[in-house]
Amino acid sequence: MKPSSAGGAIAAAIGLLSMWAAAAADASGIDQLRAFLTTARSGKASFTQTVSSKSARVGRESTGSFAFARPGRFRWAYQQPFEQLIVGDGEKLWIHDRDLNQVIVRKLDRALGTSPEAILAGDNALERNFTLTDGGVGEGLEYVNAFPRTADTGFERVRIGFKDNLPRTMELADSFGNTTLLQFRGFERNVELDAGAFRFTVPPGADVVGE
């Protein structure tokens, strides 16, 4: 199974709230999430994604990279084992499956409002769309749980592990019993990014589905 909506689910996905957070060593997961959303106006990292299900003994693994610039611009590029590109340009969300040469396009506010991507690249509306709870401490990370306030998002919970006010892991549990785990590496915040990375041009001959 290729990285699809779950991948686009993470594909990133994203806002940030408080003025000052406690020092990272003492900050709770919620404090670190808010500090990340407040202070990281852009960023980039590589990731490994593992999708597990109740029926499969071995999870499906994929790798890639992502970048974001607030508000609402991001680029998720899956590289292995299948190539898929997910781009948010501030107005629309584009998902390109290279093998199928198919492009899915949706309005960004509709696609992003309560999605996991909103946690990484959103517009500070996080607590309007999610209920946040402290997730405790483990493996050197401070965790926060985010529960979507609406029932039509396709997932039930997002769990994010922070260190030094940066996300290190993101785990998504969907309504079908699948779990998607993202592990981030080399996370850099407030970096200069090429604006072209957040623009998408439909490839010649591609089948376009959506708005």
N, C-alpha and C. Protein backbone atom coordinates (compact mmCIF):
# COMPACT_ATOMS: atom_id res chain seq x y z
N MET A 1 0.83 -1.20 0.00
CA MET A 1 0.00 0.00 0.00
C MET A 1 0.87 1.24 0.00
N LYS A 2 0.56 2.14 -0.93
CA LYS A 2 1.34 3.36 -1.05
C LYS A 2 0.96 4.33 0.04
N PRO A 3 1.86 5.28 0.40
CA PRO A 3 1.46 6.32 1.33
C PRO A 3 0.37 7.15 0.71
N SER A 4 -0.85 7.14 1.26
CA SER A 4 -1.95 7.85 0.67
C SER A 4 -2.44 8.89 1.65
N SER A 5 -3.75 8.79 2.01
CA SER A 5 -4.26 9.81 2.92
C SER A 5 -3.55 9.75 4.26
N ALA A 6 -3.20 8.51 4.69
CA ALA A 6 -2.45 8.40 5.94
C ALA A 6 -1.09 9.03 5.78
N GLY A 7 -0.48 8.83 4.57
CA GLY A 7 0.81 9.45 4.33
C GLY A 7 0.66 10.94 4.26
N GLY A 8 -0.36 11.34 3.50
CA GLY A 8 -0.57 12.76 3.47
C GLY A 8 -0.92 13.25 4.84
N ALA A 9 -1.46 12.24 5.49
CA ALA A 9 -1.63 12.57 6.90
C ALA A 9 -0.33 12.84 7.51
N ILE A 10 0.37 12.58 6.63
CA ILE A 10 1.45 13.11 7.34
C ILE A 10 2.45 13.78 6.57
N ALA A 11 2.38 12.95 5.62
CA ALA A 11 2.55 13.63 5.20
C ALA A 11 2.58 14.33 5.46
N ALA A 12 4.50 16.55 7.27
CA ALA A 12 4.37 17.04 7.77
C ALA A 12 4.16 16.86 8.12
N ALA A 13 1.49 17.65 8.48
CA ALA A 13 0.89 18.09 8.55
C ALA A 13 1.21 18.39 9.41
N ILE A 14 1.56 20.96 12.25
CA ILE A 14 1.28 21.90 11.40
C ILE A 14 0.63 23.04 11.97
N GLY A 15 0.78 25.31 13.29
CA GLY A 15 0.23 26.38 14.09
C GLY A 15 0.91 26.57 15.43
N LEU A 16 0.94 27.71 16.12
CA LEU A 16 1.56 27.73 17.49
C LEU A 16 1.08 28.86 18.38
N LEU A 17 0.98 28.59 19.68
CA LEU A 17 0.20 29.44 20.55
C LEU A 17 0.96 30.19 21.62
N SER A 18 1.66 29.86 22.51
CA SER A 18 2.00 30.70 23.65
C SER A 18 3.14 31.67 23.41
N MET A 19 3.32 32.67 24.29
CA MET A 19 4.39 33.64 24.14
C MET A 19 5.72 33.10 24.66
N TRP A 20 5.69 32.55 25.84
CA TRP A 20 6.91 32.02 26.43
C TRP A 20 6.62 30.62 26.94
N ALA A 21 7.56 29.70 26.71
CA ALA A 21 7.40 28.35 27.24
C ALA A 21 8.50 28.15 28.27
N ALA A 22 8.28 27.21 29.15
CA ALA A 22 9.32 26.88 30.13
C ALA A 22 10.51 26.31 29.40
N ALA A 23 11.64 26.27 30.06
CA ALA A 23 12.84 25.69 29.46
C ALA A 23 12.53 24.28 29.02
N ALA A 24 13.13 23.84 27.89
CA ALA A 24 12.77 22.57 27.29
C ALA A 24 12.92 21.42 28.27
N ALA A 25 13.91 21.47 29.14
CA ALA A 25 14.15 20.35 30.05
C ALA A 25 13.00 20.21 31.04
N ASP A 26 12.29 21.30 31.32
CA ASP A 26 11.24 21.28 32.32
C ASP A 26 9.85 21.39 31.70
N ALA A 27 9.76 21.69 30.41
CA ALA A 27 8.49 21.97 29.78
C ALA A 27 7.70 20.69 29.54
N SER A 28 6.37 20.80 29.69
CA SER A 28 5.50 19.68 29.36
C SER A 28 5.39 19.56 27.85
N GLY A 29 4.77 18.46 27.38
CA GLY A 29 4.57 18.30 25.95
C GLY A 29 3.76 19.42 25.36
N ILE A 30 2.72 19.87 26.10
CA ILE A 30 1.87 20.96 25.60
C ILE A 30 2.67 22.26 25.52
N ASP A 31 3.48 22.55 26.53
CA ASP A 31 4.33 23.74 26.50
C ASP A 31 5.26 23.71 25.28
N GLN A 32 5.87 22.55 25.03
CA GLN A 32 6.82 22.46 23.92
C GLN A 32 6.10 22.57 22.57
N LEU A 33 4.89 22.00 22.47
CA LEU A 33 4.11 22.16 21.25
C LEU A 33 3.82 23.63 20.98
N ARG A 34 3.39 24.34 22.01
CA ARG A 34 3.06 25.75 21.83
C ARG A 34 4.30 26.58 21.50
N ALA A 35 5.42 26.23 22.13
CA ALA A 35 6.66 26.94 21.82
C ALA A 35 7.08 26.69 20.38
N PHE A 36 6.92 25.46 19.91
CA PHE A 36 7.25 25.13 18.52
C PHE A 36 6.36 25.92 17.56
N LEU A 37 5.07 25.97 17.84
CA LEU A 37 4.15 26.67 16.96
C LEU A 37 4.38 28.17 16.97
N THR A 38 4.87 28.70 18.10
CA THR A 38 5.09 30.13 18.22
C THR A 38 6.41 30.56 17.60
N THR A 39 7.44 29.78 17.77
CA THR A 39 8.79 30.23 17.41
C THR A 39 9.29 29.69 16.08
N ALA A 40 8.75 28.58 15.62
CA ALA A 40 9.24 27.98 14.37
C ALA A 40 8.35 28.43 13.22
N ARG A 41 8.77 29.47 12.53
CA ARG A 41 7.98 29.98 11.41
C ARG A 41 8.21 29.18 10.13
N SER A 42 9.30 28.43 10.10
CA SER A 42 9.59 27.54 8.98
C SER A 42 10.44 26.39 9.51
N GLY A 43 10.60 25.36 8.72
CA GLY A 43 11.42 24.25 9.15
C GLY A 43 11.52 23.18 8.09
N LYS A 44 12.44 22.24 8.31
CA LYS A 44 12.58 21.11 7.40
C LYS A 44 13.20 19.95 8.17
N ALA A 45 12.95 18.74 7.68
CA ALA A 45 13.48 17.53 8.30
C ALA A 45 13.29 16.37 7.34
N SER A 46 13.93 15.26 7.66
CA SER A 46 13.64 14.01 6.96
C SER A 46 12.84 13.13 7.91
N PHE A 47 12.20 12.10 7.39
CA PHE A 47 11.38 11.26 8.25
C PHE A 47 11.36 9.82 7.76
N THR A 48 11.06 8.95 8.70
CA THR A 48 10.72 7.56 8.41
C THR A 48 9.31 7.33 8.90
N GLN A 49 8.49 6.76 8.05
CA GLN A 49 7.09 6.51 8.39
C GLN A 49 6.81 5.01 8.40
N THR A 50 6.18 4.53 9.45
CA THR A 50 5.80 3.13 9.55
C THR A 50 4.30 3.04 9.82
N VAL A 51 3.59 2.31 8.95
CA VAL A 51 2.16 2.13 9.10
C VAL A 51 1.90 0.70 9.54
N SER A 52 1.26 0.53 10.69
CA SER A 52 0.98 -0.79 11.25
C SER A 52 -0.53 -0.99 11.35
N SER A 53 -0.94 -2.24 11.22
CA SER A 53 -2.36 -2.58 11.38
C SER A 53 -2.48 -3.78 12.30
N LYS A 54 -3.68 -4.03 12.77
CA LYS A 54 -3.90 -5.16 13.66
C LYS A 54 -3.63 -6.49 12.96
N SER A 55 -3.86 -6.54 11.65
CA SER A 55 -3.75 -7.80 10.92
C SER A 55 -2.34 -8.08 10.40
N ALA A 56 -1.50 -7.04 10.31
CA ALA A 56 -0.17 -7.22 9.73
C ALA A 56 0.88 -7.31 10.83
N ARG A 57 1.76 -8.31 10.73
CA ARG A 57 2.82 -8.47 11.72
C ARG A 57 3.94 -7.46 11.52
N VAL A 58 4.19 -7.11 10.26
CA VAL A 58 5.28 -6.18 9.93
C VAL A 58 4.69 -4.91 9.35
N GLY A 59 5.10 -3.75 9.87
CA GLY A 59 4.60 -2.49 9.38
C GLY A 59 5.18 -2.12 8.02
N ARG A 60 4.45 -1.30 7.27
CA ARG A 60 4.91 -0.82 5.97
C ARG A 60 5.72 0.45 6.19
N GLU A 61 6.95 0.46 5.72
CA GLU A 61 7.85 1.58 6.00
C GLU A 61 8.11 2.39 4.73
N SER A 62 8.15 3.70 4.89
CA SER A 62 8.52 4.60 3.79
C SER A 62 9.36 5.72 4.36
N THR A 63 10.11 6.39 3.48
CA THR A 63 10.99 7.48 3.91
C THR A 63 10.79 8.68 3.01
N GLY A 64 11.18 9.84 3.53
CA GLY A 64 11.04 11.04 2.73
C GLY A 64 11.53 12.26 3.49
N SER A 65 11.12 13.43 3.01
CA SER A 65 11.51 14.69 3.64
C SER A 65 10.33 15.65 3.58
N PHE A 66 10.38 16.66 4.44
CA PHE A 66 9.33 17.66 4.40
C PHE A 66 9.90 19.02 4.78
N ALA A 67 9.14 20.05 4.37
CA ALA A 67 9.47 21.43 4.73
C ALA A 67 8.15 22.18 4.91
N PHE A 68 8.17 23.24 5.73
CA PHE A 68 6.96 24.03 5.92
C PHE A 68 7.32 25.48 6.14
N ALA A 69 6.38 26.35 5.82
CA ALA A 69 6.48 27.79 6.10
C ALA A 69 5.08 28.26 6.47
N ARG A 70 4.93 28.80 7.66
CA ARG A 70 3.61 29.22 8.12
C ARG A 70 3.18 30.50 7.41
N PRO A 71 1.85 30.67 7.22
CA PRO A 71 0.83 29.68 7.55
C PRO A 71 0.45 28.84 6.33
N GLY A 72 0.31 27.55 6.51
CA GLY A 72 -0.32 26.69 5.52
C GLY A 72 0.48 26.29 4.30
N ARG A 73 1.77 26.55 4.28
CA ARG A 73 2.57 26.10 3.13
C ARG A 73 3.49 24.97 3.58
N PHE A 74 3.46 23.88 2.86
CA PHE A 74 4.28 22.74 3.22
C PHE A 74 4.53 21.84 2.01
N ARG A 75 5.52 20.99 2.15
CA ARG A 75 5.90 20.07 1.08
C ARG A 75 6.36 18.76 1.71
N TRP A 76 5.63 17.69 1.45
CA TRP A 76 5.99 16.34 1.91
C TRP A 76 6.37 15.52 0.69
N ALA A 77 7.56 14.99 0.67
CA ALA A 77 8.04 14.22 -0.48
C ALA A 77 8.41 12.81 -0.02
N TYR A 78 7.58 11.85 -0.39
CA TYR A 78 7.90 10.44 -0.12
C TYR A 78 8.83 9.96 -1.22
N GLN A 79 9.90 9.29 -0.83
CA GLN A 79 10.90 8.86 -1.80
C GLN A 79 10.99 7.35 -1.94
N GLN A 80 10.89 6.62 -0.85
CA GLN A 80 10.96 5.16 -0.87
C GLN A 80 9.81 4.58 -0.04
N PRO A 81 9.21 3.48 -0.45
CA PRO A 81 9.45 2.71 -1.68
C PRO A 81 8.70 3.26 -2.89
N PHE A 82 7.77 4.21 -2.69
CA PHE A 82 7.03 4.82 -3.79
C PHE A 82 7.18 6.34 -3.71
N GLU A 83 7.18 6.98 -4.86
CA GLU A 83 7.30 8.43 -4.89
C GLU A 83 5.90 9.06 -4.86
N GLN A 84 5.72 9.96 -3.91
CA GLN A 84 4.48 10.71 -3.81
C GLN A 84 4.82 12.09 -3.27
N LEU A 85 4.19 13.12 -3.84
CA LEU A 85 4.46 14.49 -3.43
C LEU A 85 3.17 15.14 -2.94
N ILE A 86 3.25 15.78 -1.78
CA ILE A 86 2.10 16.47 -1.20
C ILE A 86 2.51 17.92 -0.97
N VAL A 87 1.81 18.86 -1.59
CA VAL A 87 2.17 20.28 -1.51
C VAL A 87 0.96 21.09 -1.07
N GLY A 88 1.15 21.92 -0.05
CA GLY A 88 0.17 22.92 0.33
C GLY A 88 0.71 24.28 -0.05
N ASP A 89 0.01 25.01 -0.93
CA ASP A 89 0.54 26.28 -1.43
C ASP A 89 -0.08 27.49 -0.74
N GLY A 90 -0.83 27.24 0.35
CA GLY A 90 -1.50 28.33 1.05
C GLY A 90 -2.96 28.44 0.69
N GLU A 91 -3.33 27.93 -0.50
CA GLU A 91 -4.72 27.96 -0.93
C GLU A 91 -5.25 26.57 -1.27
N LYS A 92 -4.40 25.76 -1.89
CA LYS A 92 -4.83 24.43 -2.30
C LYS A 92 -3.85 23.37 -1.82
N LEU A 93 -4.38 22.15 -1.69
CA LEU A 93 -3.58 20.98 -1.34
C LEU A 93 -3.47 20.11 -2.58
N TRP A 94 -2.23 19.78 -2.96
CA TRP A 94 -1.96 18.97 -4.16
C TRP A 94 -1.29 17.66 -3.74
N ILE A 95 -1.81 16.53 -4.22
CA ILE A 95 -1.22 15.22 -3.96
C ILE A 95 -0.93 14.57 -5.31
N HIS A 96 0.35 14.32 -5.59
CA HIS A 96 0.75 13.76 -6.88
C HIS A 96 1.32 12.36 -6.69
N ASP A 97 0.65 11.38 -7.29
CA ASP A 97 1.15 10.01 -7.33
C ASP A 97 1.88 9.83 -8.65
N ARG A 98 3.21 9.71 -8.56
CA ARG A 98 4.01 9.67 -9.78
C ARG A 98 3.73 8.41 -10.60
N ASP A 99 3.58 7.27 -9.93
CA ASP A 99 3.35 6.02 -10.65
C ASP A 99 2.05 6.05 -11.45
N LEU A 100 1.00 6.60 -10.85
CA LEU A 100 -0.30 6.68 -11.52
C LEU A 100 -0.41 7.91 -12.40
N ASN A 101 0.53 8.85 -12.25
CA ASN A 101 0.46 10.16 -12.90
C ASN A 101 -0.91 10.79 -12.66
N GLN A 102 -1.30 10.77 -11.39
CA GLN A 102 -2.58 11.32 -10.97
C GLN A 102 -2.36 12.41 -9.94
N VAL A 103 -3.14 13.48 -10.04
CA VAL A 103 -3.07 14.60 -9.10
C VAL A 103 -4.43 14.78 -8.45
N ILE A 104 -4.46 14.78 -7.13
CA ILE A 104 -5.67 15.10 -6.38
C ILE A 104 -5.51 16.51 -5.82
N VAL A 105 -6.52 17.34 -6.00
CA VAL A 105 -6.43 18.73 -5.53
C VAL A 105 -7.67 19.06 -4.71
N ARG A 106 -7.46 19.75 -3.58
CA ARG A 106 -8.55 20.17 -2.71
C ARG A 106 -8.25 21.56 -2.17
N LYS A 107 -9.30 22.25 -1.71
CA LYS A 107 -9.07 23.52 -1.05
C LYS A 107 -8.33 23.27 0.25
N LEU A 108 -7.33 24.08 0.51
CA LEU A 108 -6.45 23.81 1.65
C LEU A 108 -7.17 23.94 2.99
N ASP A 109 -8.02 24.96 3.15
CA ASP A 109 -8.68 25.13 4.44
C ASP A 109 -9.57 23.96 4.77
N ARG A 110 -10.22 23.38 3.78
CA ARG A 110 -11.08 22.24 4.00
C ARG A 110 -10.27 20.99 4.30
N ALA A 111 -9.16 20.83 3.61
CA ALA A 111 -8.34 19.63 3.78
C ALA A 111 -7.48 19.70 5.02
N LEU A 112 -7.12 20.91 5.43
CA LEU A 112 -6.10 21.08 6.47
C LEU A 112 -6.64 21.40 7.84
N GLY A 113 -7.87 21.93 7.92
CA GLY A 113 -8.35 22.49 9.17
C GLY A 113 -8.21 21.61 10.39
N THR A 114 -8.54 20.33 10.29
CA THR A 114 -8.43 19.44 11.44
C THR A 114 -7.51 18.26 11.14
N SER A 115 -6.56 18.43 10.25
CA SER A 115 -5.67 17.34 9.88
C SER A 115 -4.39 17.39 10.71
N PRO A 116 -3.65 16.29 10.77
CA PRO A 116 -2.36 16.30 11.47
C PRO A 116 -1.38 17.31 10.89
N GLU A 117 -1.47 17.58 9.57
CA GLU A 117 -0.58 18.56 8.98
C GLU A 117 -0.74 19.93 9.62
N ALA A 118 -1.96 20.21 10.11
CA ALA A 118 -2.21 21.51 10.74
C ALA A 118 -1.35 21.70 11.98
N ILE A 119 -0.92 20.61 12.58
CA ILE A 119 -0.10 20.72 13.79
C ILE A 119 1.28 21.25 13.45
N LEU A 120 1.78 20.99 12.27
CA LEU A 120 3.13 21.41 11.90
C LEU A 120 3.17 22.71 11.12
N ALA A 121 2.20 22.98 10.27
CA ALA A 121 2.31 24.14 9.39
C ALA A 121 1.08 25.03 9.41
N GLY A 122 0.27 24.94 10.46
CA GLY A 122 -1.00 25.64 10.48
C GLY A 122 -0.93 27.09 10.88
N ASP A 123 -2.09 27.63 11.24
CA ASP A 123 -2.23 29.07 11.41
C ASP A 123 -2.66 29.45 12.82
N ASN A 124 -2.15 28.73 13.82
CA ASN A 124 -2.43 29.06 15.22
C ASN A 124 -3.86 28.74 15.66
N ALA A 125 -4.57 27.91 14.87
CA ALA A 125 -5.94 27.54 15.24
C ALA A 125 -5.98 26.17 15.89
N LEU A 126 -4.86 25.73 16.41
CA LEU A 126 -4.73 24.36 16.88
C LEU A 126 -5.77 24.00 17.93
N GLU A 127 -5.89 24.81 18.97
CA GLU A 127 -6.76 24.43 20.07
C GLU A 127 -8.24 24.67 19.75
N ARG A 128 -8.52 25.32 18.64
CA ARG A 128 -9.90 25.40 18.17
C ARG A 128 -10.32 24.09 17.52
N ASN A 129 -9.36 23.39 16.93
CA ASN A 129 -9.67 22.16 16.19
C ASN A 129 -9.33 20.89 16.95
N PHE A 130 -8.48 20.99 17.99
CA PHE A 130 -8.05 19.83 18.73
C PHE A 130 -8.21 20.06 20.23
N THR A 131 -8.49 18.98 20.95
CA THR A 131 -8.40 18.97 22.41
C THR A 131 -7.04 18.42 22.78
N LEU A 132 -6.25 19.19 23.53
CA LEU A 132 -4.90 18.79 23.89
C LEU A 132 -4.86 18.27 25.32
N THR A 133 -4.12 17.17 25.52
CA THR A 133 -3.88 16.66 26.86
C THR A 133 -2.41 16.30 27.00
N ASP A 134 -1.91 16.38 28.24
CA ASP A 134 -0.53 16.01 28.48
C ASP A 134 -0.36 14.51 28.28
N GLY A 135 0.71 14.10 27.58
CA GLY A 135 0.94 12.71 27.26
C GLY A 135 2.03 12.05 28.07
N GLY A 136 2.57 12.76 29.07
CA GLY A 136 3.59 12.18 29.92
C GLY A 136 4.98 12.20 29.32
N VAL A 137 5.89 11.43 29.90
CA VAL A 137 7.29 11.42 29.51
C VAL A 137 7.71 9.99 29.20
N GLY A 138 8.57 9.83 28.19
CA GLY A 138 9.09 8.51 27.86
C GLY A 138 10.20 8.59 26.86
N GLU A 139 11.26 7.80 27.06
CA GLU A 139 12.38 7.73 26.12
C GLU A 139 12.98 9.10 25.86
N GLY A 140 13.01 9.94 26.90
CA GLY A 140 13.62 11.25 26.78
C GLY A 140 12.77 12.29 26.08
N LEU A 141 11.50 11.99 25.81
CA LEU A 141 10.60 12.90 25.11
C LEU A 141 9.44 13.29 26.01
N GLU A 142 8.94 14.51 25.79
CA GLU A 142 7.72 14.98 26.43
C GLU A 142 6.60 14.86 25.40
N TYR A 143 5.48 14.21 25.80
CA TYR A 143 4.42 13.91 24.84
C TYR A 143 3.19 14.78 25.07
N VAL A 144 2.48 15.02 23.96
CA VAL A 144 1.18 15.68 24.01
C VAL A 144 0.23 14.87 23.13
N ASN A 145 -1.00 14.71 23.59
CA ASN A 145 -2.04 14.05 22.81
C ASN A 145 -2.97 15.10 22.23
N ALA A 146 -3.34 14.94 20.97
CA ALA A 146 -4.27 15.86 20.31
C ALA A 146 -5.44 15.06 19.76
N PHE A 147 -6.65 15.39 20.22
CA PHE A 147 -7.86 14.70 19.80
C PHE A 147 -8.69 15.66 18.95
N PRO A 148 -9.01 15.28 17.71
CA PRO A 148 -9.81 16.18 16.86
C PRO A 148 -11.19 16.42 17.45
N ARG A 149 -11.66 17.66 17.36
CA ARG A 149 -12.96 18.02 17.93
C ARG A 149 -14.12 17.58 17.06
N THR A 150 -13.86 17.25 15.78
CA THR A 150 -14.91 16.77 14.90
C THR A 150 -14.67 15.30 14.58
N ALA A 151 -15.72 14.61 14.19
CA ALA A 151 -15.64 13.16 14.00
C ALA A 151 -15.36 12.74 12.57
N ASP A 152 -15.16 13.70 11.67
CA ASP A 152 -15.02 13.34 10.25
C ASP A 152 -13.59 13.47 9.74
N THR A 153 -12.62 13.38 10.63
CA THR A 153 -11.22 13.55 10.21
C THR A 153 -10.58 12.26 9.75
N GLY A 154 -11.17 11.10 10.10
CA GLY A 154 -10.59 9.82 9.70
C GLY A 154 -9.61 9.25 10.70
N PHE A 155 -9.24 10.04 11.73
CA PHE A 155 -8.33 9.52 12.75
C PHE A 155 -8.87 9.90 14.13
N GLU A 156 -8.40 9.18 15.14
CA GLU A 156 -8.93 9.35 16.48
C GLU A 156 -8.00 10.10 17.42
N ARG A 157 -6.69 10.00 17.18
CA ARG A 157 -5.75 10.62 18.11
C ARG A 157 -4.42 10.85 17.42
N VAL A 158 -3.76 11.94 17.79
CA VAL A 158 -2.38 12.20 17.37
C VAL A 158 -1.55 12.33 18.64
N ARG A 159 -0.42 11.64 18.70
CA ARG A 159 0.47 11.71 19.86
C ARG A 159 1.83 12.18 19.37
N ILE A 160 2.33 13.28 19.94
CA ILE A 160 3.57 13.89 19.45
C ILE A 160 4.58 13.94 20.57
N GLY A 161 5.80 13.50 20.29
CA GLY A 161 6.88 13.55 21.25
C GLY A 161 7.84 14.68 20.95
N PHE A 162 8.14 15.51 21.95
CA PHE A 162 8.98 16.69 21.77
C PHE A 162 10.27 16.60 22.58
N LYS A 163 11.30 17.22 22.04
CA LYS A 163 12.54 17.46 22.78
C LYS A 163 13.12 18.76 22.26
N ASP A 164 13.55 19.63 23.16
CA ASP A 164 14.11 20.94 22.79
C ASP A 164 13.14 21.74 21.93
N ASN A 165 11.85 21.63 22.23
CA ASN A 165 10.80 22.39 21.54
C ASN A 165 10.68 22.03 20.06
N LEU A 166 11.08 20.82 19.69
CA LEU A 166 10.93 20.34 18.33
C LEU A 166 10.27 18.97 18.34
N PRO A 167 9.37 18.68 17.39
CA PRO A 167 8.76 17.36 17.33
C PRO A 167 9.78 16.31 16.86
N ARG A 168 9.82 15.20 17.57
CA ARG A 168 10.73 14.10 17.22
C ARG A 168 9.98 12.89 16.70
N THR A 169 8.75 12.71 17.21
CA THR A 169 7.90 11.63 16.71
C THR A 169 6.47 12.13 16.63
N MET A 170 5.70 11.52 15.73
CA MET A 170 4.27 11.79 15.63
C MET A 170 3.58 10.47 15.33
N GLU A 171 2.61 10.11 16.17
CA GLU A 171 1.88 8.86 16.00
C GLU A 171 0.41 9.16 15.79
N LEU A 172 -0.17 8.58 14.72
CA LEU A 172 -1.57 8.82 14.40
C LEU A 172 -2.32 7.49 14.45
N ALA A 173 -3.42 7.47 15.19
CA ALA A 173 -4.28 6.29 15.26
C ALA A 173 -5.57 6.61 14.52
N ASP A 174 -5.88 5.82 13.47
CA ASP A 174 -7.09 6.11 12.70
C ASP A 174 -8.25 5.26 13.18
N SER A 175 -9.41 5.50 12.58
CA SER A 175 -10.64 4.83 13.03
C SER A 175 -10.74 3.40 12.53
N PHE A 176 -9.77 2.94 11.74
CA PHE A 176 -9.78 1.57 11.23
C PHE A 176 -8.80 0.67 11.97
N GLY A 177 -8.19 1.17 13.03
CA GLY A 177 -7.26 0.37 13.79
C GLY A 177 -5.83 0.42 13.29
N ASN A 178 -5.54 1.32 12.34
CA ASN A 178 -4.18 1.48 11.83
C ASN A 178 -3.43 2.54 12.64
N THR A 179 -2.14 2.36 12.75
CA THR A 179 -1.29 3.34 13.44
C THR A 179 -0.16 3.77 12.52
N THR A 180 0.00 5.06 12.34
CA THR A 180 1.07 5.62 11.52
C THR A 180 2.06 6.31 12.44
N LEU A 181 3.31 5.88 12.40
CA LEU A 181 4.36 6.46 13.24
C LEU A 181 5.37 7.19 12.36
N LEU A 182 5.56 8.48 12.62
CA LEU A 182 6.55 9.29 11.94
C LEU A 182 7.69 9.58 12.91
N GLN A 183 8.91 9.34 12.47
CA GLN A 183 10.10 9.67 13.26
C GLN A 183 10.93 10.67 12.47
N PHE A 184 11.16 11.85 13.07
CA PHE A 184 11.83 12.95 12.38
C PHE A 184 13.32 12.97 12.69
N ARG A 185 14.11 13.31 11.68
CA ARG A 185 15.57 13.40 11.84
C ARG A 185 16.06 14.73 11.25
N GLY A 186 17.09 15.29 11.89
CA GLY A 186 17.72 16.50 11.36
C GLY A 186 16.78 17.68 11.26
N PHE A 187 15.91 17.84 12.25
CA PHE A 187 14.91 18.92 12.21
C PHE A 187 15.61 20.27 12.37
N GLU A 188 15.41 21.16 11.40
CA GLU A 188 15.94 22.52 11.46
C GLU A 188 14.78 23.51 11.43
N ARG A 189 14.83 24.51 12.33
CA ARG A 189 13.74 25.49 12.36
C ARG A 189 14.23 26.84 11.84
N ASN A 190 13.29 27.66 11.35
CA ASN A 190 13.56 29.02 10.89
C ASN A 190 14.70 29.06 9.87
N VAL A 191 14.56 28.20 8.86
CA VAL A 191 15.53 28.15 7.77
C VAL A 191 14.96 28.87 6.55
N GLU A 192 15.85 29.34 5.69
CA GLU A 192 15.40 29.95 4.44
C GLU A 192 15.04 28.86 3.47
N LEU A 193 13.83 28.96 2.91
CA LEU A 193 13.33 27.94 1.99
C LEU A 193 12.94 28.60 0.68
N ASP A 194 13.21 27.90 -0.40
CA ASP A 194 12.84 28.39 -1.73
C ASP A 194 11.32 28.42 -1.85
N ALA A 195 10.76 29.57 -2.19
CA ALA A 195 9.31 29.70 -2.32
C ALA A 195 8.76 28.74 -3.36
N GLY A 196 9.58 28.37 -4.32
CA GLY A 196 9.14 27.44 -5.36
C GLY A 196 8.83 26.06 -4.83
N ALA A 197 9.36 25.74 -3.66
CA ALA A 197 9.10 24.42 -3.07
C ALA A 197 7.63 24.26 -2.71
N PHE A 198 6.93 25.40 -2.54
CA PHE A 198 5.53 25.35 -2.13
C PHE A 198 4.58 25.69 -3.28
N ARG A 199 5.08 25.59 -4.51
CA ARG A 199 4.23 25.74 -5.69
C ARG A 199 4.19 24.40 -6.41
N PHE A 200 3.05 24.08 -7.00
CA PHE A 200 2.91 22.81 -7.70
C PHE A 200 2.41 23.06 -9.11
N THR A 201 3.08 22.45 -10.07
CA THR A 201 2.66 22.51 -11.48
C THR A 201 2.22 21.12 -11.90
N VAL A 202 1.04 21.00 -12.43
CA VAL A 202 0.51 19.70 -12.84
C VAL A 202 1.37 19.15 -13.99
N PRO A 203 1.91 17.94 -13.86
CA PRO A 203 2.74 17.36 -14.93
C PRO A 203 1.93 17.13 -16.21
N PRO A 204 2.58 17.21 -17.35
CA PRO A 204 1.87 16.98 -18.61
C PRO A 204 1.19 15.61 -18.63
N GLY A 205 -0.06 15.59 -19.04
CA GLY A 205 -0.79 14.34 -19.19
C GLY A 205 -1.34 13.76 -17.91
N ALA A 206 -1.13 14.43 -16.79
CA ALA A 206 -1.61 13.89 -15.51
C ALA A 206 -3.12 14.00 -15.43
N ASP A 207 -3.72 13.01 -14.79
CA ASP A 207 -5.15 13.00 -14.52
C ASP A 207 -5.41 13.80 -13.26
N VAL A 208 -6.21 14.88 -13.34
CA VAL A 208 -6.46 15.74 -12.19
C VAL A 208 -7.86 15.44 -11.63
N VAL A 209 -7.90 15.17 -10.33
CA VAL A 209 -9.15 14.83 -9.66
C VAL A 209 -9.38 15.83 -8.55
N GLY A 210 -10.58 16.43 -8.50
CA GLY A 210 -10.90 17.34 -7.40
C GLY A 210 -11.19 18.73 -7.87
N GLU A 211 -11.07 19.69 -6.93
CA GLU A 211 -11.49 21.08 -7.16
C GLU A 211 -10.48 21.82 -8.02
